[in-house]
Amino acid sequence: MLRRRQASGQFVETALAEELAAAALGARDRALAQELVYGVVRWERTLDWLIERKAVRRPPDAPVQALLRLGLYQIFWLSRIPDHAAVFETVELAEALGGDGVAAFVNALLRGYLREFDAARQAIKELQRRDPATGWSHPAWLVSRWTERWGPEATARLLEWNNTPPVTFARINTLQARPEKVIERWRMHENVEYDFGRWDWIPENTLFQLRSHPSLERLETFRRGHFYVQDPSTLLAVRLLDPQPGDRILDACAAPGGKTTYIAQVVGDEAEIIAEDISEDRLALIRENCKRLAVVSVETRLAQPDAPGRPEFDRVLVDAPCSNTGVLRRRLEARWRTRPADLRQLADHQLELLTRAAARVRPGGAVVYSTCSLEPEENSVVIERFLAAQPQFHLAIQRSLLPHEDHVDGAFAARLDRKADGPD
């Protein structure tokens, strides 16, 4: 069922969430199911390399390949599952799938790796040095372009980052609560363990890393809108936007509303903020988050791509759809879905979005363009193409965040100021 959902274009995170919602599983089993699915997707290419080493004369079909990936992931990457349990459960599934012959094949391959565990672990480490795309389970074309740009050592750090499960960050909603009161409740009543963090684009003591916590839905501080889950990198664009109380502001690609509600927070909920997106379902997510965070300055509107834009906003934010190469540890399938040719197509669409949004900026105003991509075609090159065609704008500042250097998700943001005496 999960594979059919993926084949239809649905991302694995969404497909798994829907499957788990329909399943009668306890919290521990739900967490394990998520770990298995996410881990197999992350390490798919390396797992397949392990399988190929042992199945040269008998390549398995797709269902058996999936079972072998599950078994090998537990053996090599999931230490809390005993090896014998991982093999037993996988073989049981194989028998139900294809009978004794399939079960015997799966059993032999998995037990062969148990006998050679140390040697196989060393072989994976050597593979990561010799063939990092296979050893770190990434597309070869992406590893090649990153290596050319940053060199092998920095690229290896990025690949390792991408295969590390993401951490949870909580942005305190200062419209509803003071940071010291939230962390006191976390510590005294909600069993939340947290770390302070410092980022030069975020005010101190307003964003925390949650090291461990109960499910968010069980936390009163979450239900009452005292915080919003958001990576530090996503706040850079709002910092460059520099919204002010009384501004008329457009968030042109706003769902699910993290940046929108942070804009409202920065201005004390005292601005006119229009949040647009392409579907009512996406707008509903924005409204839901605004309601929980008690944000009242936001109005949601369905985007009208073909409508002529008029310069009516002081500030516009365009957080453009992109390849997601800066957030591969969160967007698990993006590494397998994106192709080199997609970058140019995405860049053309991004330039179109930026151009339409910029037409809605008043003289003297500003537009901020942002992505969660690491690729120049989607970032600095889009800005260069835009400026070449729009002389009434100039680049005020641009900045990139790199996971292997800044220890946050990858992001790019650029602020483009419209000249006060420019044409309307």
Foldseek 3Di string as FASTA:
>chain_A
DLVVCVVVVDFSVVSLVVVVVPDDDDPVVSVVVVCLVLLCLQQVLLLVVLVCVPQVPPDDDDVLSSLSSSLVCCVQPNVVDDNVNSLVVSLVVQCVVPNDVSSVVSNVSSVVCVVVVVVVVVVLVVCCVVPVCRSLVFDSVVLVVVCVVPNDVLSSLQSVVLSDADWWKKFFQVLQDDLVVVVVCCVPPFVWDWDFDDDPLDDGSGMITTPDGDPLVPDPCVQQQRIDTDFPQVCNQVSVQPDEAAFAEEEAAAPLPPNVSVNCSVHSLRYQYEYEHADPVRVVNNVVNCVSNVRDRYDYDYDDLPDQAAQDGQEYEYAADALLQLNCSPSVCSSVPDDPVVLQVSLVVLLSSVVRRVNRHAAQGKYKYKYLDPDCSNAVVSVVVNCVVCVQKDWPDKDWDHCSPNVTGTMIMTMIHGHNPDDD
